[in-house]
Amino acid sequence: MVDREQLALVYKQNLENDIIKYIAEVKGIELRKAFDIYYSSRLAEQISEGKCGIENMDAKYLAEDLIENELGTQ
């Protein structure tokens, strides 16, 4: 039987990976830079803490929101 906590952890890790990859693609930057951007964002904190079910939203939507609201024109 699959442990729900393990499944949630894998889902969260995949979500974070998808967000980081999307940021790198859209901004035309290296994955390492996108990694740093993501983990210094409020979004990373919200997903980590499971606030408001945000960890269940689409990775592309979350990445676009991060780019628009936290990066602006960087």
C-alpha atoms as a PDB file:
ATOM      1  CA  MET A   1       0.000   0.000   0.000  1.00  0.00           C
ATOM      2  CA  VAL A   2       1.239   3.490  -0.855  1.00  0.00           C
ATOM      3  CA  ASP A   3       1.932   5.798   2.044  1.00  0.00           C
ATOM      4  CA  ARG A   4       0.022   9.067   1.530  1.00  0.00           C
ATOM      5  CA  GLU A   5       2.805  11.160   3.051  1.00  0.00           C
ATOM      6  CA  GLN A   6       5.384   9.656   0.703  1.00  0.00           C
ATOM      7  CA  LEU A   7       3.096  10.234  -2.261  1.00  0.00           C
ATOM      8  CA  ALA A   8       2.527  13.858  -1.249  1.00  0.00           C
ATOM      9  CA  LEU A   9       6.282  14.372  -0.899  1.00  0.00           C
ATOM     10  CA  VAL A  10       6.960  12.965  -4.371  1.00  0.00           C
ATOM     11  CA  TYR A  11       4.204  15.140  -5.838  1.00  0.00           C
ATOM     12  CA  LYS A  12       5.634  18.240  -4.144  1.00  0.00           C
ATOM     13  CA  GLN A  13       9.145  17.474  -5.392  1.00  0.00           C
ATOM     14  CA  ASN A  14       7.857  17.011  -8.943  1.00  0.00           C
ATOM     15  CA  LEU A  15       5.898  20.251  -8.687  1.00  0.00           C
ATOM     16  CA  GLU A  16       9.000  22.134  -7.565  1.00  0.00           C
ATOM     17  CA  ASN A  17      11.085  20.587 -10.348  1.00  0.00           C
ATOM     18  CA  ASP A  18       8.469  21.535 -12.949  1.00  0.00           C
ATOM     19  CA  ILE A  19       8.316  25.111 -11.660  1.00  0.00           C
ATOM     20  CA  ILE A  20      12.110  25.460 -11.735  1.00  0.00           C
ATOM     21  CA  LYS A  21      12.339  24.044 -15.272  1.00  0.00           C
ATOM     22  CA  TYR A  22       9.593  26.369 -16.481  1.00  0.00           C
ATOM     23  CA  ILE A  23      11.290  29.434 -14.967  1.00  0.00           C
ATOM     24  CA  ALA A  24      14.571  28.476 -16.651  1.00  0.00           C
ATOM     25  CA  GLU A  25      12.881  28.020 -20.027  1.00  0.00           C
ATOM     26  CA  VAL A  26      10.810  31.200 -19.943  1.00  0.00           C
ATOM     27  CA  LYS A  27      13.573  33.423 -18.602  1.00  0.00           C
ATOM     28  CA  GLY A  28      16.290  31.768 -20.708  1.00  0.00           C
ATOM     29  CA  ILE A  29      18.498  31.109 -17.703  1.00  0.00           C
ATOM     30  CA  GLU A  30      20.418  28.149 -16.326  1.00  0.00           C
ATOM     31  CA  LEU A  31      18.624  25.702 -14.057  1.00  0.00           C
ATOM     32  CA  ARG A  32      20.880  26.674 -11.141  1.00  0.00           C
ATOM     33  CA  LYS A  33      19.762  30.321 -11.393  1.00  0.00           C
ATOM     34  CA  ALA A  34      16.106  29.245 -11.671  1.00  0.00           C
ATOM     35  CA  PHE A  35      16.653  26.991  -8.639  1.00  0.00           C
ATOM     36  CA  ASP A  36      17.940  29.961  -6.631  1.00  0.00           C
ATOM     37  CA  ILE A  37      15.052  32.155  -7.780  1.00  0.00           C
ATOM     38  CA  TYR A  38      12.480  29.559  -6.810  1.00  0.00           C
ATOM     39  CA  TYR A  39      13.911  28.725  -3.392  1.00  0.00           C
ATOM     40  CA  SER A  40      14.225  32.400  -2.458  1.00  0.00           C
ATOM     41  CA  SER A  41      10.590  33.063  -3.382  1.00  0.00           C
ATOM     42  CA  ARG A  42       7.466  33.266  -1.263  1.00  0.00           C
ATOM     43  CA  LEU A  43       6.004  30.567  -3.485  1.00  0.00           C
ATOM     44  CA  ALA A  44       8.577  28.010  -2.296  1.00  0.00           C
ATOM     45  CA  GLU A  45       7.697  28.823   1.294  1.00  0.00           C
ATOM     46  CA  GLN A  46       3.967  28.500   0.613  1.00  0.00           C
ATOM     47  CA  ILE A  47       4.375  25.149  -1.119  1.00  0.00           C
ATOM     48  CA  SER A  48       6.659  23.868   1.628  1.00  0.00           C
ATOM     49  CA  GLU A  49       4.162  24.853   4.317  1.00  0.00           C
ATOM     50  CA  GLY A  50       1.163  23.633   2.324  1.00  0.00           C
ATOM     51  CA  LYS A  51      -0.608  26.971   2.632  1.00  0.00           C
ATOM     52  CA  CYS A  52      -4.093  27.254   1.108  1.00  0.00           C
ATOM     53  CA  GLY A  53      -3.714  24.122  -0.998  1.00  0.00           C
ATOM     54  CA  ILE A  54      -1.317  25.957  -3.295  1.00  0.00           C
ATOM     55  CA  GLU A  55       0.765  22.809  -3.642  1.00  0.00           C
ATOM     56  CA  ASN A  56      -2.124  21.272  -5.584  1.00  0.00           C
ATOM     57  CA  MET A  57      -2.148  23.926  -8.307  1.00  0.00           C
ATOM     58  CA  ASP A  58      -0.675  23.604 -11.797  1.00  0.00           C
ATOM     59  CA  ALA A  59       3.109  24.095 -11.970  1.00  0.00           C
ATOM     60  CA  LYS A  60       2.932  26.312 -15.064  1.00  0.00           C
ATOM     61  CA  TYR A  61       0.382  28.620 -13.447  1.00  0.00           C
ATOM     62  CA  LEU A  62       2.438  28.873 -10.272  1.00  0.00           C
ATOM     63  CA  ALA A  63       5.647  29.549 -12.223  1.00  0.00           C
ATOM     64  CA  GLU A  64       3.962  32.256 -14.307  1.00  0.00           C
ATOM     65  CA  ASP A  65       2.626  33.856 -11.137  1.00  0.00           C
ATOM     66  CA  LEU A  66       6.096  33.800  -9.563  1.00  0.00           C
ATOM     67  CA  ILE A  67       7.643  35.338 -12.692  1.00  0.00           C
ATOM     68  CA  GLU A  68       5.008  38.062 -12.925  1.00  0.00           C
ATOM     69  CA  ASN A  69       4.696  38.983  -9.261  1.00  0.00           C
ATOM     70  CA  GLU A  70       8.113  38.291  -7.789  1.00  0.00           C
ATOM     71  CA  LEU A  71      10.517  38.786 -10.672  1.00  0.00           C
ATOM     72  CA  GLY A  72       8.783  41.498 -12.632  1.00  0.00           C
ATOM     73  CA  THR A  73      11.207  42.663 -15.306  1.00  0.00           C
ATOM     74  CA  GLN A  74      14.340  41.029 -13.903  1.00  0.00           C
END
